[in-house]
C-alpha atoms as a PDB file:
ATOM      1  CA  LYS A   1       0.115  -0.023   0.037  1.00  0.00           C
ATOM      2  CA  ASN A   2       1.040   3.817  -0.451  1.00  0.00           C
ATOM      3  CA  ALA A   3       1.516   5.938   2.308  1.00  0.00           C
ATOM      4  CA  VAL A   4      -0.414   8.981   2.883  1.00  0.00           C
ATOM      5  CA  VAL A   5       1.484  11.990   3.845  1.00  0.00           C
ATOM      6  CA  SER A   6      -0.473  14.832   5.918  1.00  0.00           C
ATOM      7  CA  ILE A   7       0.160  18.150   7.706  1.00  0.00           C
ATOM      8  CA  SER A   8      -1.928  20.137   9.667  1.00  0.00           C
ATOM      9  CA  ALA A   9      -2.321  23.325   7.451  1.00  0.00           C
ATOM     10  CA  SER A  10      -1.253  23.785   3.846  1.00  0.00           C
ATOM     11  CA  THR A  11      -0.265  27.471   4.551  1.00  0.00           C
ATOM     12  CA  TYR A  12       1.913  28.931   7.137  1.00  0.00           C
ATOM     13  CA  THR A  13       3.017  32.652   7.792  1.00  0.00           C
ATOM     14  CA  TYR A  14       6.778  33.843   7.459  1.00  0.00           C
ATOM     15  CA  THR A  15       8.745  33.778  10.646  1.00  0.00           C
ATOM     16  CA  GLY A  16      12.159  34.158   9.434  1.00  0.00           C
ATOM     17  CA  LYS A  17      13.142  30.729  10.736  1.00  0.00           C
ATOM     18  CA  ASP A  18      12.887  27.228   9.462  1.00  0.00           C
ATOM     19  CA  ILE A  19       8.972  26.174   9.330  1.00  0.00           C
ATOM     20  CA  LYS A  20       8.734  22.565   9.932  1.00  0.00           C
ATOM     21  CA  PRO A  21       4.874  21.334  10.210  1.00  0.00           C
ATOM     22  CA  THR A  22       4.147  18.269  12.361  1.00  0.00           C
ATOM     23  CA  VAL A  23       3.953  15.278   9.578  1.00  0.00           C
ATOM     24  CA  THR A  24       1.564  12.426   9.916  1.00  0.00           C
ATOM     25  CA  VAL A  25       2.046   9.166   7.721  1.00  0.00           C
ATOM     26  CA  LYS A  26      -0.742   6.519   7.553  1.00  0.00           C
ATOM     27  CA  VAL A  27      -0.755   3.355   5.241  1.00  0.00           C
ATOM     28  CA  GLY A  28      -4.342   2.339   5.122  1.00  0.00           C
ATOM     29  CA  LYS A  29      -5.677   3.172   8.217  1.00  0.00           C
ATOM     30  CA  LYS A  30      -2.483   2.630  10.132  1.00  0.00           C
ATOM     31  CA  LYS A  31      -0.604   5.730  11.491  1.00  0.00           C
ATOM     32  CA  LEU A  32       2.887   5.237  11.225  1.00  0.00           C
ATOM     33  CA  SER A  33       5.356   5.716  14.074  1.00  0.00           C
ATOM     34  CA  THR A  34       8.058   8.384  13.755  1.00  0.00           C
ATOM     35  CA  LYS A  35      10.529   5.478  13.830  1.00  0.00           C
ATOM     36  CA  SER A  36       8.973   4.290  10.616  1.00  0.00           C
ATOM     37  CA  TYR A  37      10.519   7.194   8.466  1.00  0.00           C
ATOM     38  CA  THR A  38      12.604  10.079   8.192  1.00  0.00           C
ATOM     39  CA  VAL A  39      11.286  13.494   7.318  1.00  0.00           C
ATOM     40  CA  SER A  40      13.480  16.285   5.640  1.00  0.00           C
ATOM     41  CA  TYR A  41      12.636  20.110   4.258  1.00  0.00           C
ATOM     42  CA  LYS A  42      13.470  22.102   1.547  1.00  0.00           C
ATOM     43  CA  ASN A  43      12.961  25.481   0.879  1.00  0.00           C
ATOM     44  CA  ASN A  44      10.893  26.086   4.357  1.00  0.00           C
ATOM     45  CA  LYS A  45      12.241  29.232   5.506  1.00  0.00           C
ATOM     46  CA  ASN A  46      11.327  31.959   2.748  1.00  0.00           C
ATOM     47  CA  VAL A  47       8.138  32.939   1.572  1.00  0.00           C
ATOM     48  CA  GLY A  48       7.124  30.727  -1.420  1.00  0.00           C
ATOM     49  CA  LYS A  49       6.467  26.887  -1.850  1.00  0.00           C
ATOM     50  CA  ALA A  50       8.327  24.394   0.617  1.00  0.00           C
ATOM     51  CA  THR A  51       8.497  20.818   0.377  1.00  0.00           C
ATOM     52  CA  ILE A  52       8.486  17.648   2.743  1.00  0.00           C
ATOM     53  CA  THR A  53       9.840  14.445   1.849  1.00  0.00           C
ATOM     54  CA  VAL A  54       9.321  11.311   3.835  1.00  0.00           C
ATOM     55  CA  THR A  55      11.623   8.510   3.599  1.00  0.00           C
ATOM     56  CA  GLY A  56      10.511   4.783   4.780  1.00  0.00           C
ATOM     57  CA  LYS A  57      12.956   3.167   7.160  1.00  0.00           C
ATOM     58  CA  GLY A  58      13.425  -0.354   8.017  1.00  0.00           C
ATOM     59  CA  SER A  59      10.114  -2.422   6.522  1.00  0.00           C
ATOM     60  CA  TYR A  60       8.807   0.895   5.036  1.00  0.00           C
ATOM     61  CA  THR A  61      10.656   1.446   1.847  1.00  0.00           C
ATOM     62  CA  GLY A  62       9.931   4.581  -0.608  1.00  0.00           C
ATOM     63  CA  LYS A  63       9.437   8.228  -0.703  1.00  0.00           C
ATOM     64  CA  ALA A  64       6.414  10.706  -0.502  1.00  0.00           C
ATOM     65  CA  THR A  65       6.496  14.033  -0.947  1.00  0.00           C
ATOM     66  CA  LYS A  66       3.964  16.964   0.251  1.00  0.00           C
ATOM     67  CA  SER A  67       4.368  20.711  -0.411  1.00  0.00           C
ATOM     68  CA  PHE A  68       2.947  23.527   1.545  1.00  0.00           C
ATOM     69  CA  TYR A  69       3.311  27.291   1.343  1.00  0.00           C
ATOM     70  CA  ILE A  70       4.736  30.147   3.306  1.00  0.00           C
ATOM     71  CA  ARG A  71       3.001  33.389   2.868  1.00  0.00           C
ATOM     72  CA  PRO A  72       4.189  36.829   3.648  1.00  0.00           C
ATOM     73  CA  LYS A  73       3.486  38.155   7.088  1.00  0.00           C
ATOM     74  CA  ALA A  74       1.065  41.395   8.030  1.00  0.00           C
ATOM     75  CA  ILE A  75       2.135  44.823   7.254  1.00  0.00           C
ATOM     76  CA  SER A  76       3.073  46.198  10.598  1.00  0.00           C
ATOM     77  CA  THR A  77       2.815  49.907  10.360  1.00  0.00           C
ATOM     78  CA  LEU A  78       0.323  51.956   7.740  1.00  0.00           C
ATOM     79  CA  LYS A  79       0.724  55.806   8.048  1.00  0.00           C
ATOM     80  CA  ALA A  80      -1.641  58.545   6.127  1.00  0.00           C
ATOM     81  CA  THR A  81      -0.421  62.066   5.252  1.00  0.00           C
ATOM     82  CA  PRO A  82      -3.781  64.007   4.199  1.00  0.00           C
ATOM     83  CA  TYR A  83      -3.801  66.740   1.856  1.00  0.00           C
ATOM     84  CA  SER A  84      -7.068  68.425   0.527  1.00  0.00           C
ATOM     85  CA  THR A  85      -7.812  66.130  -2.310  1.00  0.00           C
ATOM     86  CA  LYS A  86      -5.325  63.502  -1.844  1.00  0.00           C
ATOM     87  CA  ILE A  87      -3.980  60.938   1.259  1.00  0.00           C
ATOM     88  CA  LYS A  88      -0.443  59.250   0.883  1.00  0.00           C
ATOM     89  CA  LEU A  89      -0.503  56.086   2.234  1.00  0.00           C
ATOM     90  CA  SER A  90       2.740  54.399   3.403  1.00  0.00           C
ATOM     91  CA  TRP A  91       3.592  51.450   5.399  1.00  0.00           C
ATOM     92  CA  SER A  92       6.349  49.001   6.437  1.00  0.00           C
ATOM     93  CA  LYS A  93       7.950  46.783   3.740  1.00  0.00           C
ATOM     94  CA  VAL A  94       7.233  43.151   4.221  1.00  0.00           C
ATOM     95  CA  THR A  95      10.023  40.351   3.904  1.00  0.00           C
ATOM     96  CA  GLY A  96       9.310  38.019   0.792  1.00  0.00           C
ATOM     97  CA  ALA A  97       6.280  40.199  -0.361  1.00  0.00           C
ATOM     98  CA  LYS A  98       6.209  40.876  -4.488  1.00  0.00           C
ATOM     99  CA  GLY A  99       3.719  43.491  -3.945  1.00  0.00           C
ATOM    100  CA  TYR A 100       1.142  45.311  -2.018  1.00  0.00           C
ATOM    101  CA  GLN A 101      -3.059  45.547  -2.589  1.00  0.00           C
ATOM    102  CA  VAL A 102      -4.556  48.752  -1.531  1.00  0.00           C
ATOM    103  CA  TYR A 103      -8.210  49.124  -0.878  1.00  0.00           C
ATOM    104  CA  GLN A 104     -10.676  51.900  -0.153  1.00  0.00           C
ATOM    105  CA  TYR A 105     -14.073  51.589   1.760  1.00  0.00           C
ATOM    106  CA  VAL A 106     -16.562  52.807  -0.702  1.00  0.00           C
ATOM    107  CA  ASP A 107     -20.478  52.395  -0.984  1.00  0.00           C
ATOM    108  CA  GLY A 108     -20.416  50.154   1.471  1.00  0.00           C
ATOM    109  CA  LYS A 109     -17.796  47.693   0.129  1.00  0.00           C
ATOM    110  CA  TRP A 110     -13.799  47.231  -0.099  1.00  0.00           C
ATOM    111  CA  THR A 111     -12.836  48.356  -3.670  1.00  0.00           C
ATOM    112  CA  LYS A 112      -9.384  47.446  -4.784  1.00  0.00           C
ATOM    113  CA  LEU A 113      -7.449  50.731  -5.712  1.00  0.00           C
ATOM    114  CA  ALA A 114      -4.173  49.337  -6.933  1.00  0.00           C
ATOM    115  CA  ASN A 115      -1.241  46.478  -6.871  1.00  0.00           C
ATOM    116  CA  THR A 116       1.865  48.343  -6.162  1.00  0.00           C
ATOM    117  CA  SER A 117       5.543  47.064  -5.713  1.00  0.00           C
ATOM    118  CA  GLU A 118       6.226  50.260  -4.021  1.00  0.00           C
ATOM    119  CA  THR A 119       5.580  50.744  -0.059  1.00  0.00           C
ATOM    120  CA  SER A 120       3.270  53.595  -0.849  1.00  0.00           C
ATOM    121  CA  TYR A 121       0.528  54.933  -2.631  1.00  0.00           C
ATOM    122  CA  THR A 122      -1.173  58.230  -3.117  1.00  0.00           C
ATOM    123  CA  VAL A 123      -4.935  58.211  -3.553  1.00  0.00           C
ATOM    124  CA  THR A 124      -6.218  61.203  -5.552  1.00  0.00           C
ATOM    125  CA  GLU A 125      -9.206  62.937  -6.590  1.00  0.00           C
ATOM    126  CA  LEU A 126     -10.793  63.051  -3.075  1.00  0.00           C
ATOM    127  CA  GLU A 127     -13.282  65.283  -1.494  1.00  0.00           C
ATOM    128  CA  SER A 128     -11.852  67.741   1.003  1.00  0.00           C
ATOM    129  CA  ALA A 129     -12.904  67.641   4.747  1.00  0.00           C
ATOM    130  CA  THR A 130     -13.556  64.186   4.530  1.00  0.00           C
ATOM    131  CA  THR A 131     -12.841  60.894   6.372  1.00  0.00           C
ATOM    132  CA  PHE A 132     -11.682  57.955   4.220  1.00  0.00           C
ATOM    133  CA  ASN A 133     -11.059  54.502   5.265  1.00  0.00           C
ATOM    134  CA  PHE A 134      -8.071  52.121   3.704  1.00  0.00           C
ATOM    135  CA  ARG A 135      -6.536  48.903   3.866  1.00  0.00           C
ATOM    136  CA  VAL A 136      -3.434  47.389   2.690  1.00  0.00           C
ATOM    137  CA  ARG A 137      -1.842  43.670   2.321  1.00  0.00           C
ATOM    138  CA  ALA A 138       1.091  42.452   1.270  1.00  0.00           C
ATOM    139  CA  TYR A 139       1.409  39.784  -1.410  1.00  0.00           C
ATOM    140  CA  ALA A 140       3.643  36.443  -2.898  1.00  0.00           C
ATOM    141  CA  LYS A 141       3.263  34.825  -5.943  1.00  0.00           C
ATOM    142  CA  THR A 142       4.819  31.282  -6.491  1.00  0.00           C
ATOM    143  CA  GLY A 143       3.864  29.872 -10.010  1.00  0.00           C
ATOM    144  CA  SER A 144       0.206  30.793 -10.314  1.00  0.00           C
ATOM    145  CA  LYS A 145      -0.501  30.903  -6.789  1.00  0.00           C
ATOM    146  CA  TYR A 146      -1.088  34.054  -4.747  1.00  0.00           C
ATOM    147  CA  LEU A 147      -0.064  33.914  -1.258  1.00  0.00           C
ATOM    148  CA  TYR A 148      -1.696  36.983   0.762  1.00  0.00           C
ATOM    149  CA  SER A 149      -0.475  38.025   4.174  1.00  0.00           C
ATOM    150  CA  PRO A 150      -3.058  36.857   7.004  1.00  0.00           C
ATOM    151  CA  SER A 151      -4.365  40.099   7.415  1.00  0.00           C
ATOM    152  CA  TYR A 152      -5.007  43.509   6.560  1.00  0.00           C
ATOM    153  CA  LYS A 153      -3.299  46.730   8.093  1.00  0.00           C
ATOM    154  CA  SER A 154      -6.275  49.301   8.325  1.00  0.00           C
ATOM    155  CA  ILE A 155      -6.357  53.369   8.800  1.00  0.00           C
ATOM    156  CA  ASN A 156      -8.561  56.034   8.680  1.00  0.00           C
ATOM    157  CA  ALA A 157      -7.716  59.666   7.391  1.00  0.00           C
ATOM    158  CA  THR A 158      -9.221  62.963   6.853  1.00  0.00           C
ATOM    159  CA  THR A 159      -8.242  64.989   3.970  1.00  0.00           C
ATOM    160  CA  THR A 160      -7.492  68.727   4.787  1.00  0.00           C
ATOM    161  CA  ILE A 161      -9.777  71.797   4.002  1.00  0.00           C
ATOM    162  CA  GLY A 162      -8.857  73.476   0.737  1.00  0.00           C
ATOM    163  CA  LYS A 163      -7.135  76.747   0.758  1.00  0.00           C
ATOM    164  CA  PRO A 164      -8.787  79.867  -0.880  1.00  0.00           C
ATOM    165  CA  THR A 165      -7.524  80.950  -4.375  1.00  0.00           C
ATOM    166  CA  SER A 166      -7.805  83.705  -7.073  1.00  0.00           C
ATOM    167  CA  PHE A 167      -7.388  86.539  -4.290  1.00  0.00           C
ATOM    168  CA  LYS A 168      -8.682  89.865  -5.603  1.00  0.00           C
ATOM    169  CA  ILE A 169      -8.665  93.130  -4.039  1.00  0.00           C
ATOM    170  CA  SER A 170     -11.317  95.968  -5.121  1.00  0.00           C
ATOM    171  CA  ASP A 171     -12.749  98.926  -3.965  1.00  0.00           C
ATOM    172  CA  LEU A 172      -9.426 100.257  -2.909  1.00  0.00           C
ATOM    173  CA  LYS A 173      -9.945 103.398  -0.859  1.00  0.00           C
ATOM    174  CA  GLU A 174      -7.843 105.395   1.550  1.00  0.00           C
ATOM    175  CA  SER A 175      -8.968 103.333   4.877  1.00  0.00           C
ATOM    176  CA  SER A 176     -10.416 100.386   3.379  1.00  0.00           C
ATOM    177  CA  LEU A 177     -10.424  97.959   0.420  1.00  0.00           C
ATOM    178  CA  THR A 178     -12.534  94.713  -0.277  1.00  0.00           C
ATOM    179  CA  LEU A 179     -11.024  91.131  -0.355  1.00  0.00           C
ATOM    180  CA  SER A 180     -12.821  88.346  -2.497  1.00  0.00           C
ATOM    181  CA  TRP A 181     -11.816  84.753  -3.146  1.00  0.00           C
ATOM    182  CA  ASN A 182     -12.940  81.626  -4.325  1.00  0.00           C
ATOM    183  CA  GLU A 183     -15.088  79.639  -2.052  1.00  0.00           C
ATOM    184  CA  VAL A 184     -13.675  76.540  -0.404  1.00  0.00           C
ATOM    185  CA  ALA A 185     -15.653  73.460  -0.098  1.00  0.00           C
ATOM    186  CA  LYS A 186     -17.179  72.686   3.265  1.00  0.00           C
ATOM    187  CA  ALA A 187     -15.512  75.954   5.060  1.00  0.00           C
ATOM    188  CA  ASP A 188     -17.429  77.141   7.895  1.00  0.00           C
ATOM    189  CA  GLU A 189     -15.383  80.610   8.266  1.00  0.00           C
ATOM    190  CA  TYR A 190     -12.445  82.285   6.708  1.00  0.00           C
ATOM    191  CA  ARG A 191      -9.860  84.415   8.733  1.00  0.00           C
ATOM    192  CA  VAL A 192      -8.013  87.361   7.182  1.00  0.00           C
END
């Protein structure tokens, strides 16, 4: 009979150390003792695909392999720098990540804004003096399989109020003048 190799999970999160999942080997319904085989690991430290090879000992011969994946860790810090009509998001680099996905909460759901290999992204064309919700996650790719960090890092940020533009001076008199400017959206008052 052929041996069946199983592990507790098919995906693990990068730790910077070798990842060695516990292996269970069965022949039929019989669980073999760890004395009946040896286990070796390959590519089991970095983000990507890792392989376990189980080699029979004694009366058990042959080899069996099992693969598992190592995904990037979650982003540890996310910062927002607000302007009047844009917000710059920046985050910590994640070891092994090939890129980052940036999402914004719009109309009751998360909408992907971008995939980027950079550790910052600027969201533009935003309304001033408004709060927006964002989240970012890291990802890697091995073959055709995407490996996503176990969680998102989220942040709320509020755009600043705009600045008055197109200043004009009119009705210039000896002791007075009239100032005018373009209206700023959501401004409650102006200080001169």
